[in-house]
Amino acid sequence: MNQDLFLVIALGFIIFMMFFNGRKRKKAQAEMQAGIKVGAYVLLHSGILGTIVSQDDKHLVVETTPGTKLTVLKGAVRSIEEAPKKVAAKTAAAKPATATKTAAKPAVKKPVAKKPAAKPAK
């Protein structure tokens, strides 16, 4: 009887925790959805990253690359990300292509295995 009571209490605790975590997750998702605004850099559930160009009640227009726009539901947004920095263009312009100081090392030659001496004929 004592073991049955323990199992019922443990099961009740697990169900309570599942319900509580679900509510917390839904609340966090709703706050994130409310924080979506034009110009935000977002990650969609499909893995697509882009900038929000326009929005209405249920839909967003996301620009993934210049000239490529996708219309998606607001629920498709997984998270709001930090916009990537365009460092590659500045780095390429700042550093001209020059030869590196370290030269490529030649391949190391492996020693040739010696063949066993032939046995004398009888």
N, C-alpha and C. Protein backbone atom coordinates (compact mmCIF):
# COMPACT_ATOMS: atom_id res chain seq x y z
N MET A 1 0.82 -1.19 0.00
CA MET A 1 0.00 0.00 0.00
C MET A 1 0.87 1.26 0.00
N ASN A 2 1.95 1.23 0.78
CA ASN A 2 2.85 2.37 0.88
C ASN A 2 3.55 2.63 -0.45
N GLN A 3 3.91 1.56 -1.17
CA GLN A 3 4.57 1.70 -2.47
C GLN A 3 3.62 2.29 -3.50
N ASP A 4 2.34 1.91 -3.45
CA ASP A 4 1.35 2.44 -4.40
C ASP A 4 1.18 3.94 -4.19
N LEU A 5 1.15 4.37 -2.94
CA LEU A 5 1.01 5.78 -2.64
C LEU A 5 2.22 6.56 -3.18
N PHE A 6 3.42 6.02 -3.00
CA PHE A 6 4.64 6.66 -3.50
C PHE A 6 4.58 6.79 -5.03
N LEU A 7 4.15 5.74 -5.75
CA LEU A 7 4.06 5.78 -7.21
C LEU A 7 3.05 6.82 -7.68
N VAL A 8 1.92 6.93 -6.98
CA VAL A 8 0.90 7.91 -7.36
C VAL A 8 1.44 9.33 -7.15
N ILE A 9 2.11 9.56 -6.05
CA ILE A 9 2.69 10.89 -5.78
C ILE A 9 3.76 11.21 -6.82
N ALA A 10 4.63 10.27 -7.14
CA ALA A 10 5.69 10.50 -8.14
C ALA A 10 5.09 10.79 -9.51
N LEU A 11 4.05 10.06 -9.89
CA LEU A 11 3.39 10.28 -11.18
C LEU A 11 2.75 11.66 -11.20
N GLY A 12 2.11 12.06 -10.11
CA GLY A 12 1.50 13.39 -10.02
C GLY A 12 2.53 14.49 -10.14
N PHE A 13 3.70 14.30 -9.51
CA PHE A 13 4.77 15.29 -9.59
C PHE A 13 5.28 15.43 -11.02
N ILE A 14 5.46 14.32 -11.71
CA ILE A 14 5.95 14.35 -13.10
C ILE A 14 4.95 15.07 -14.00
N ILE A 15 3.66 14.78 -13.83
CA ILE A 15 2.63 15.44 -14.64
C ILE A 15 2.62 16.94 -14.36
N PHE A 16 2.73 17.32 -13.08
CA PHE A 16 2.77 18.74 -12.72
C PHE A 16 3.95 19.44 -13.38
N MET A 17 5.13 18.82 -13.35
CA MET A 17 6.31 19.44 -13.95
C MET A 17 6.19 19.58 -15.46
N MET A 18 5.59 18.58 -16.11
CA MET A 18 5.39 18.67 -17.56
C MET A 18 4.46 19.84 -17.88
N PHE A 19 3.39 20.00 -17.13
CA PHE A 19 2.43 21.07 -17.35
C PHE A 19 3.09 22.42 -17.10
N PHE A 20 3.85 22.54 -16.01
CA PHE A 20 4.51 23.79 -15.65
C PHE A 20 5.54 24.20 -16.70
N ASN A 21 6.35 23.25 -17.18
CA ASN A 21 7.35 23.56 -18.20
C ASN A 21 6.70 23.96 -19.51
N GLY A 22 5.60 23.33 -19.87
CA GLY A 22 4.88 23.69 -21.10
C GLY A 22 4.38 25.11 -21.04
N ARG A 23 3.84 25.52 -19.90
CA ARG A 23 3.35 26.89 -19.75
C ARG A 23 4.50 27.89 -19.85
N LYS A 24 5.64 27.56 -19.25
CA LYS A 24 6.80 28.45 -19.28
C LYS A 24 7.30 28.61 -20.71
N ARG A 25 7.35 27.52 -21.46
CA ARG A 25 7.82 27.56 -22.85
C ARG A 25 6.87 28.39 -23.72
N LYS A 26 5.55 28.21 -23.51
CA LYS A 26 4.57 28.98 -24.29
C LYS A 26 4.67 30.46 -23.98
N LYS A 27 4.91 30.81 -22.72
CA LYS A 27 5.04 32.21 -22.32
C LYS A 27 6.27 32.83 -22.97
N ALA A 28 7.39 32.12 -22.98
CA ALA A 28 8.60 32.63 -23.60
C ALA A 28 8.41 32.81 -25.11
N GLN A 29 7.72 31.87 -25.75
CA GLN A 29 7.45 31.97 -27.19
C GLN A 29 6.56 33.18 -27.49
N ALA A 30 5.54 33.40 -26.66
CA ALA A 30 4.64 34.54 -26.86
C ALA A 30 5.38 35.86 -26.70
N GLU A 31 6.29 35.95 -25.72
CA GLU A 31 7.08 37.16 -25.54
C GLU A 31 7.99 37.41 -26.74
N MET A 32 8.59 36.34 -27.27
CA MET A 32 9.45 36.48 -28.44
C MET A 32 8.64 36.93 -29.66
N GLN A 33 7.44 36.36 -29.82
CA GLN A 33 6.58 36.74 -30.95
C GLN A 33 6.17 38.21 -30.84
N ALA A 34 5.93 38.69 -29.63
CA ALA A 34 5.54 40.09 -29.44
C ALA A 34 6.72 41.03 -29.72
N GLY A 35 7.94 40.55 -29.55
CA GLY A 35 9.13 41.37 -29.77
C GLY A 35 9.59 41.45 -31.21
N ILE A 36 8.92 40.76 -32.11
CA ILE A 36 9.31 40.78 -33.52
C ILE A 36 8.95 42.13 -34.12
N LYS A 37 9.94 42.76 -34.78
CA LYS A 37 9.69 44.05 -35.42
C LYS A 37 10.47 44.12 -36.73
N VAL A 38 10.12 45.08 -37.55
CA VAL A 38 10.76 45.26 -38.85
C VAL A 38 12.23 45.60 -38.63
N GLY A 39 13.10 44.92 -39.38
CA GLY A 39 14.54 45.13 -39.27
C GLY A 39 15.23 44.10 -38.40
N ALA A 40 14.47 43.25 -37.70
CA ALA A 40 15.07 42.23 -36.85
C ALA A 40 15.62 41.10 -37.71
N TYR A 41 16.72 40.51 -37.27
CA TYR A 41 17.34 39.37 -37.96
C TYR A 41 16.84 38.12 -37.26
N VAL A 42 16.14 37.25 -37.99
CA VAL A 42 15.46 36.12 -37.37
C VAL A 42 15.91 34.79 -37.96
N LEU A 43 15.73 33.73 -37.15
CA LEU A 43 15.96 32.36 -37.57
C LEU A 43 14.61 31.67 -37.63
N LEU A 44 14.28 31.09 -38.79
CA LEU A 44 13.02 30.37 -38.93
C LEU A 44 13.20 28.91 -38.53
N HIS A 45 12.11 28.21 -38.27
CA HIS A 45 12.19 26.80 -37.90
C HIS A 45 12.80 25.95 -39.01
N SER A 46 12.73 26.41 -40.24
CA SER A 46 13.31 25.66 -41.35
C SER A 46 14.82 25.86 -41.45
N GLY A 47 15.39 26.74 -40.63
CA GLY A 47 16.82 26.99 -40.66
C GLY A 47 17.21 28.18 -41.51
N ILE A 48 16.25 28.89 -42.05
CA ILE A 48 16.52 30.05 -42.90
C ILE A 48 16.73 31.27 -42.03
N LEU A 49 17.77 32.04 -42.32
CA LEU A 49 18.05 33.28 -41.63
C LEU A 49 17.71 34.45 -42.54
N GLY A 50 17.17 35.53 -41.97
CA GLY A 50 16.86 36.68 -42.79
C GLY A 50 16.42 37.86 -41.96
N THR A 51 16.23 38.98 -42.65
CA THR A 51 15.81 40.23 -42.01
C THR A 51 14.35 40.48 -42.34
N ILE A 52 13.58 40.90 -41.34
CA ILE A 52 12.16 41.18 -41.54
C ILE A 52 12.03 42.51 -42.27
N VAL A 53 11.32 42.47 -43.41
CA VAL A 53 11.12 43.67 -44.22
C VAL A 53 9.79 44.31 -43.88
N SER A 54 8.74 43.50 -43.72
CA SER A 54 7.42 44.02 -43.35
C SER A 54 6.66 42.94 -42.60
N GLN A 55 5.59 43.36 -41.91
CA GLN A 55 4.78 42.41 -41.15
C GLN A 55 3.35 42.89 -41.05
N ASP A 56 2.45 41.95 -40.85
CA ASP A 56 1.06 42.28 -40.52
C ASP A 56 0.65 41.36 -39.36
N ASP A 57 -0.65 41.14 -39.17
CA ASP A 57 -1.11 40.38 -38.00
C ASP A 57 -0.55 38.96 -37.95
N LYS A 58 -0.58 38.24 -39.07
CA LYS A 58 -0.19 36.83 -39.07
C LYS A 58 1.04 36.52 -39.91
N HIS A 59 1.42 37.42 -40.81
CA HIS A 59 2.48 37.12 -41.77
C HIS A 59 3.67 38.07 -41.62
N LEU A 60 4.82 37.57 -42.05
CA LEU A 60 6.05 38.36 -42.12
C LEU A 60 6.64 38.22 -43.51
N VAL A 61 7.30 39.26 -43.97
CA VAL A 61 8.08 39.17 -45.21
C VAL A 61 9.55 39.23 -44.78
N VAL A 62 10.27 38.13 -45.06
CA VAL A 62 11.66 37.99 -44.64
C VAL A 62 12.54 38.04 -45.87
N GLU A 63 13.56 38.91 -45.85
CA GLU A 63 14.52 39.00 -46.94
C GLU A 63 15.76 38.21 -46.54
N THR A 64 16.02 37.10 -47.28
CA THR A 64 17.15 36.24 -46.96
C THR A 64 18.43 36.73 -47.59
N THR A 65 18.38 37.07 -48.85
CA THR A 65 19.50 37.69 -49.57
C THR A 65 18.92 38.89 -50.30
N PRO A 66 19.75 39.85 -50.69
CA PRO A 66 19.21 41.02 -51.39
C PRO A 66 18.38 40.62 -52.61
N GLY A 67 17.11 40.98 -52.59
CA GLY A 67 16.21 40.68 -53.70
C GLY A 67 15.40 39.41 -53.51
N THR A 68 15.69 38.58 -52.52
CA THR A 68 14.95 37.34 -52.29
C THR A 68 14.10 37.52 -51.04
N LYS A 69 12.78 37.53 -51.23
CA LYS A 69 11.86 37.75 -50.12
C LYS A 69 10.94 36.56 -49.97
N LEU A 70 10.72 36.16 -48.72
CA LEU A 70 9.83 35.05 -48.39
C LEU A 70 8.71 35.56 -47.51
N THR A 71 7.49 35.10 -47.77
CA THR A 71 6.37 35.41 -46.90
C THR A 71 6.12 34.20 -46.03
N VAL A 72 6.21 34.38 -44.71
CA VAL A 72 6.05 33.28 -43.76
C VAL A 72 5.07 33.68 -42.66
N LEU A 73 4.57 32.69 -41.94
CA LEU A 73 3.73 32.95 -40.78
C LEU A 73 4.59 33.38 -39.60
N LYS A 74 4.02 34.15 -38.70
CA LYS A 74 4.78 34.59 -37.53
C LYS A 74 5.22 33.40 -36.68
N GLY A 75 4.44 32.34 -36.68
CA GLY A 75 4.76 31.16 -35.89
C GLY A 75 5.98 30.42 -36.41
N ALA A 76 6.45 30.74 -37.60
CA ALA A 76 7.61 30.07 -38.18
C ALA A 76 8.93 30.60 -37.63
N VAL A 77 8.87 31.69 -36.86
CA VAL A 77 10.09 32.28 -36.31
C VAL A 77 10.51 31.49 -35.08
N ARG A 78 11.72 30.97 -35.09
CA ARG A 78 12.25 30.22 -33.95
C ARG A 78 12.87 31.16 -32.94
N SER A 79 13.71 32.10 -33.41
CA SER A 79 14.36 33.02 -32.49
C SER A 79 14.79 34.28 -33.23
N ILE A 80 15.06 35.31 -32.43
CA ILE A 80 15.61 36.55 -32.96
C ILE A 80 17.11 36.48 -32.72
N GLU A 81 17.88 36.60 -33.78
CA GLU A 81 19.34 36.44 -33.73
C GLU A 81 20.03 37.80 -33.80
N GLU A 82 21.33 37.77 -33.56
CA GLU A 82 22.15 38.96 -33.74
C GLU A 82 22.56 39.02 -35.21
N ALA A 83 22.42 40.17 -35.82
CA ALA A 83 22.74 40.32 -37.24
C ALA A 83 24.23 40.05 -37.47
N PRO A 84 24.56 39.35 -38.57
CA PRO A 84 25.98 39.07 -38.83
C PRO A 84 26.72 40.34 -39.22
N LYS A 85 27.98 40.38 -38.86
CA LYS A 85 28.80 41.54 -39.19
C LYS A 85 29.47 41.28 -40.53
N LYS A 86 29.55 42.29 -41.35
CA LYS A 86 30.16 42.15 -42.67
C LYS A 86 31.65 42.48 -42.55
N VAL A 87 32.41 41.50 -42.07
CA VAL A 87 33.84 41.67 -41.83
C VAL A 87 34.66 41.21 -43.03
N ALA A 88 34.15 40.24 -43.77
CA ALA A 88 34.92 39.65 -44.86
C ALA A 88 35.29 40.69 -45.93
N ALA A 89 34.38 41.58 -46.28
CA ALA A 89 34.66 42.58 -47.31
C ALA A 89 35.71 43.57 -46.83
N LYS A 90 35.60 43.97 -45.56
CA LYS A 90 36.57 44.92 -45.02
C LYS A 90 37.95 44.29 -44.90
N THR A 91 38.01 43.04 -44.51
CA THR A 91 39.28 42.35 -44.34
C THR A 91 39.98 42.17 -45.68
N ALA A 92 39.24 41.82 -46.71
CA ALA A 92 39.83 41.61 -48.03
C ALA A 92 40.36 42.94 -48.59
N ALA A 93 39.67 44.03 -48.34
CA ALA A 93 40.10 45.32 -48.86
C ALA A 93 41.31 45.85 -48.07
N ALA A 94 41.37 45.56 -46.78
CA ALA A 94 42.45 46.08 -45.94
C ALA A 94 43.76 45.34 -46.16
N LYS A 95 43.70 44.04 -46.42
CA LYS A 95 44.91 43.24 -46.59
C LYS A 95 45.09 42.86 -48.06
N PRO A 96 46.06 43.46 -48.73
CA PRO A 96 46.31 43.06 -50.11
C PRO A 96 46.92 41.66 -50.15
N ALA A 97 46.72 41.01 -51.26
CA ALA A 97 47.25 39.65 -51.41
C ALA A 97 48.77 39.70 -51.51
N THR A 98 49.45 39.12 -50.53
CA THR A 98 50.91 39.08 -50.54
C THR A 98 51.34 37.65 -50.28
N ALA A 99 52.58 37.37 -50.64
CA ALA A 99 53.11 36.03 -50.41
C ALA A 99 53.36 35.85 -48.92
N THR A 100 53.14 34.65 -48.48
CA THR A 100 53.38 34.38 -47.06
C THR A 100 54.85 34.14 -46.82
N LYS A 101 55.29 34.38 -45.60
CA LYS A 101 56.70 34.23 -45.27
C LYS A 101 57.10 32.77 -45.13
N THR A 102 56.18 31.92 -44.78
CA THR A 102 56.52 30.51 -44.61
C THR A 102 56.32 29.80 -45.94
N ALA A 103 57.40 29.20 -46.42
CA ALA A 103 57.33 28.47 -47.68
C ALA A 103 56.82 27.06 -47.41
N ALA A 104 56.22 26.49 -48.39
CA ALA A 104 55.71 25.12 -48.25
C ALA A 104 56.89 24.17 -48.12
N LYS A 105 56.78 23.27 -47.19
CA LYS A 105 57.87 22.31 -46.97
C LYS A 105 57.72 21.15 -47.94
N PRO A 106 58.86 20.69 -48.50
CA PRO A 106 58.76 19.55 -49.42
C PRO A 106 58.35 18.29 -48.65
N ALA A 107 57.75 17.38 -49.36
CA ALA A 107 57.32 16.14 -48.74
C ALA A 107 58.53 15.34 -48.26
N VAL A 108 58.40 14.73 -47.11
CA VAL A 108 59.50 13.94 -46.56
C VAL A 108 59.53 12.60 -47.29
N LYS A 109 60.73 12.22 -47.74
CA LYS A 109 60.86 10.95 -48.45
C LYS A 109 60.96 9.83 -47.43
N LYS A 110 60.21 8.79 -47.69
CA LYS A 110 60.23 7.63 -46.80
C LYS A 110 61.38 6.73 -47.21
N PRO A 111 62.04 6.11 -46.26
CA PRO A 111 63.12 5.20 -46.62
C PRO A 111 62.56 3.98 -47.35
N VAL A 112 63.32 3.53 -48.32
CA VAL A 112 62.90 2.38 -49.12
C VAL A 112 63.19 1.11 -48.33
N ALA A 113 62.25 0.22 -48.30
CA ALA A 113 62.46 -1.05 -47.57
C ALA A 113 63.43 -1.91 -48.35
N LYS A 114 64.37 -2.53 -47.63
CA LYS A 114 65.37 -3.38 -48.27
C LYS A 114 64.75 -4.74 -48.54
N LYS A 115 65.07 -5.27 -49.72
CA LYS A 115 64.57 -6.59 -50.08
C LYS A 115 65.45 -7.64 -49.41
N PRO A 116 64.85 -8.74 -48.99
CA PRO A 116 65.68 -9.79 -48.36
C PRO A 116 66.62 -10.39 -49.41
N ALA A 117 67.76 -10.79 -48.95
CA ALA A 117 68.78 -11.38 -49.84
C ALA A 117 68.26 -12.70 -50.38
N ALA A 118 68.57 -12.94 -51.63
CA ALA A 118 68.12 -14.18 -52.27
C ALA A 118 68.88 -15.37 -51.67
N LYS A 119 68.18 -16.46 -51.52
CA LYS A 119 68.82 -17.68 -50.96
C LYS A 119 69.67 -18.32 -52.06
N PRO A 120 70.83 -18.80 -51.68
CA PRO A 120 71.68 -19.43 -52.69
C PRO A 120 71.02 -20.72 -53.24
N ALA A 121 71.20 -20.95 -54.51
CA ALA A 121 70.64 -22.14 -55.15
C ALA A 121 71.43 -23.37 -54.76
N LYS A 122 70.84 -24.50 -54.60
CA LYS A 122 71.52 -25.73 -54.22
C LYS A 122 71.80 -26.56 -55.40
